[in-house]
Amino acid sequence: MAGEGEGEVIACHSVEEWNEKFKAANEAKKLIVIDFTATWCPPCRFIAPIFQDLAKKHLNVVFFKVDVDALSTVAKDFDVQAMPTFIYMKEGVVLDTVVGAAKDEIIAKLEKHNTAVVASA
C-alpha cells in the first residue's frame, strides 16, 4: 500500500498541519519539494498541473503546496519573496530554489536532487 501523500501533492491548510507533515517528511529522509503559491497568481495556476504530474511520477519525493496567504508564517520562515517559489530540501537542509514557473528548471533540479538521493542509498 502506498504511503500517505505518495503520488499526490500535499496541501497544508494550517500551520499545525504543515508542521506535522513537514516533520514526518524530514524524518523519512526523503527529498521534499515545496511549491509556495497563491490563488491569485497566474504563473502559479499554470505550473500547478505540471507539479501534480511530477508528484505522480516521483513517488519517492514528498511534494507540498503552501498557499502564502493562508500560511504566511511558513512563507516568511523560508523567506519567500515571489510566487511561485519552489524549494528543494532534504533532512532540513535547503538544496535548491527555483523562483517562477520555470518548468524545465523545476524538472531539472528535481531530477538532479532525486538522483543524488538514489545514488547515495
Protein backbone atom coordinates (compact mmCIF):
# COMPACT_ATOMS: atom_id res chain seq x y z
CA MET A 1 0.00 0.00 0.00
CA ALA A 2 1.30 3.47 -0.86
CA GLY A 3 2.29 5.79 1.97
CA GLU A 4 0.38 8.98 2.71
CA GLY A 5 0.95 11.63 0.08
CA GLU A 6 2.60 9.30 -2.44
CA GLY A 7 1.74 10.33 -5.96
CA GLU A 8 -0.04 13.47 -4.84
CA VAL A 9 0.71 17.00 -3.73
CA ILE A 10 0.09 17.56 -0.02
CA ALA A 11 -1.71 20.86 0.52
CA CYS A 12 -1.46 22.13 4.09
CA HIS A 13 -4.22 24.41 5.38
CA SER A 14 -2.91 25.23 8.85
CA VAL A 15 0.49 25.82 10.43
CA GLU A 16 -0.11 22.82 12.71
CA GLU A 17 -0.84 20.57 9.73
CA TRP A 18 2.26 21.91 7.94
CA ASN A 19 4.50 21.34 10.98
CA GLU A 20 3.24 17.77 11.44
CA LYS A 21 3.53 16.71 7.78
CA PHE A 22 6.80 18.55 7.17
CA LYS A 23 8.36 16.92 10.26
CA ALA A 24 7.21 13.47 9.10
CA ALA A 25 8.68 14.03 5.61
CA ASN A 26 12.01 15.16 7.10
CA GLU A 27 12.13 12.13 9.40
CA ALA A 28 11.52 9.87 6.39
CA LYS A 29 14.74 11.34 4.92
CA LYS A 30 13.01 11.90 1.57
CA LEU A 31 13.59 14.71 -0.89
CA ILE A 32 10.97 17.41 -0.27
CA VAL A 33 9.79 19.91 -2.88
CA ILE A 34 7.65 22.79 -1.62
CA ASP A 35 5.58 24.90 -4.02
CA PHE A 36 4.87 28.30 -2.46
CA THR A 37 1.82 29.50 -4.36
CA ALA A 38 -1.12 31.91 -4.28
CA THR A 39 -4.63 31.56 -5.69
CA TRP A 40 -4.41 34.99 -7.38
CA CYS A 41 -1.11 34.21 -9.18
CA PRO A 42 -1.47 33.25 -12.92
CA PRO A 43 2.00 31.58 -13.17
CA CYS A 44 1.10 29.51 -10.09
CA ARG A 45 -2.07 28.28 -11.80
CA PHE A 46 -0.05 27.50 -14.95
CA ILE A 47 2.51 25.35 -13.13
CA ALA A 48 0.09 23.57 -10.72
CA PRO A 49 -0.89 20.69 -13.10
CA ILE A 50 2.78 20.16 -14.01
CA PHE A 51 3.66 19.96 -10.29
CA GLN A 52 0.81 17.40 -9.87
CA ASP A 53 2.26 15.31 -12.72
CA LEU A 54 5.72 15.37 -11.13
CA ALA A 55 4.23 14.08 -7.87
CA LYS A 56 2.64 11.15 -9.74
CA LYS A 57 5.96 10.29 -11.44
CA HIS A 58 8.29 10.65 -8.43
CA LEU A 59 6.72 8.58 -5.66
CA ASN A 60 9.88 8.70 -3.53
CA VAL A 61 9.68 12.51 -3.27
CA VAL A 62 7.31 14.43 -0.97
CA PHE A 63 5.56 17.34 -2.73
CA PHE A 64 4.00 20.13 -0.68
CA LYS A 65 1.85 23.04 -1.81
CA VAL A 66 1.78 26.03 0.53
CA ASP A 67 -0.60 28.96 -0.06
CA VAL A 68 1.39 32.02 1.01
CA ASP A 69 -1.77 33.88 2.02
CA ALA A 70 -3.08 31.05 4.20
CA LEU A 71 0.32 30.15 5.71
CA SER A 72 2.16 33.47 5.65
CA THR A 73 4.35 32.50 8.64
CA VAL A 74 5.63 29.43 6.76
CA ALA A 75 6.37 31.57 3.69
CA LYS A 76 8.27 34.02 5.95
CA ASP A 77 10.24 31.15 7.51
CA PHE A 78 11.51 30.28 4.01
CA ASP A 79 11.97 33.95 3.02
CA VAL A 80 9.64 33.57 0.02
CA GLN A 81 9.61 36.82 -1.97
CA ALA A 82 7.73 35.85 -5.16
CA MET A 83 5.25 33.25 -6.35
CA PRO A 84 5.64 30.58 -7.33
CA THR A 85 8.79 29.64 -5.44
CA PHE A 86 9.92 26.02 -5.33
CA ILE A 87 12.23 24.92 -2.53
CA TYR A 88 14.06 21.58 -2.59
CA MET A 89 15.07 20.14 0.78
CA LYS A 90 16.40 17.01 2.39
CA GLU A 91 16.67 16.38 6.14
CA GLY A 92 16.06 20.05 6.96
CA VAL A 93 18.68 21.41 4.53
CA VAL A 94 17.67 23.63 1.60
CA LEU A 95 19.36 22.17 -1.51
CA ASP A 96 17.97 24.45 -4.20
CA THR A 97 15.37 27.08 -5.06
CA VAL A 98 13.53 27.94 -8.28
CA VAL A 99 11.62 31.23 -8.46
CA GLY A 100 8.94 31.43 -11.14
CA ALA A 101 7.03 28.92 -13.25
CA ALA A 102 10.20 27.70 -15.00
CA LYS A 103 9.04 24.19 -15.91
CA ASP A 104 12.36 22.95 -17.33
CA GLU A 105 14.36 24.28 -14.38
CA ILE A 106 11.89 22.80 -11.86
CA ILE A 107 12.17 19.37 -13.52
CA ALA A 108 15.97 19.58 -13.90
CA LYS A 109 16.51 20.41 -10.20
CA LEU A 110 14.09 17.66 -9.17
CA GLU A 111 15.98 15.10 -11.25
CA LYS A 112 19.36 16.37 -10.03
CA HIS A 113 18.48 16.10 -6.33
CA ASN A 114 16.39 12.96 -6.69
CA THR A 115 19.29 11.22 -8.48
CA ALA A 116 21.66 12.30 -5.72
CA VAL A 117 19.31 10.78 -3.15
CA VAL A 118 19.03 7.47 -5.04
CA ALA A 119 22.79 7.28 -5.70
CA SER A 120 23.62 7.61 -2.00
CA ALA A 121 21.14 4.91 -0.92
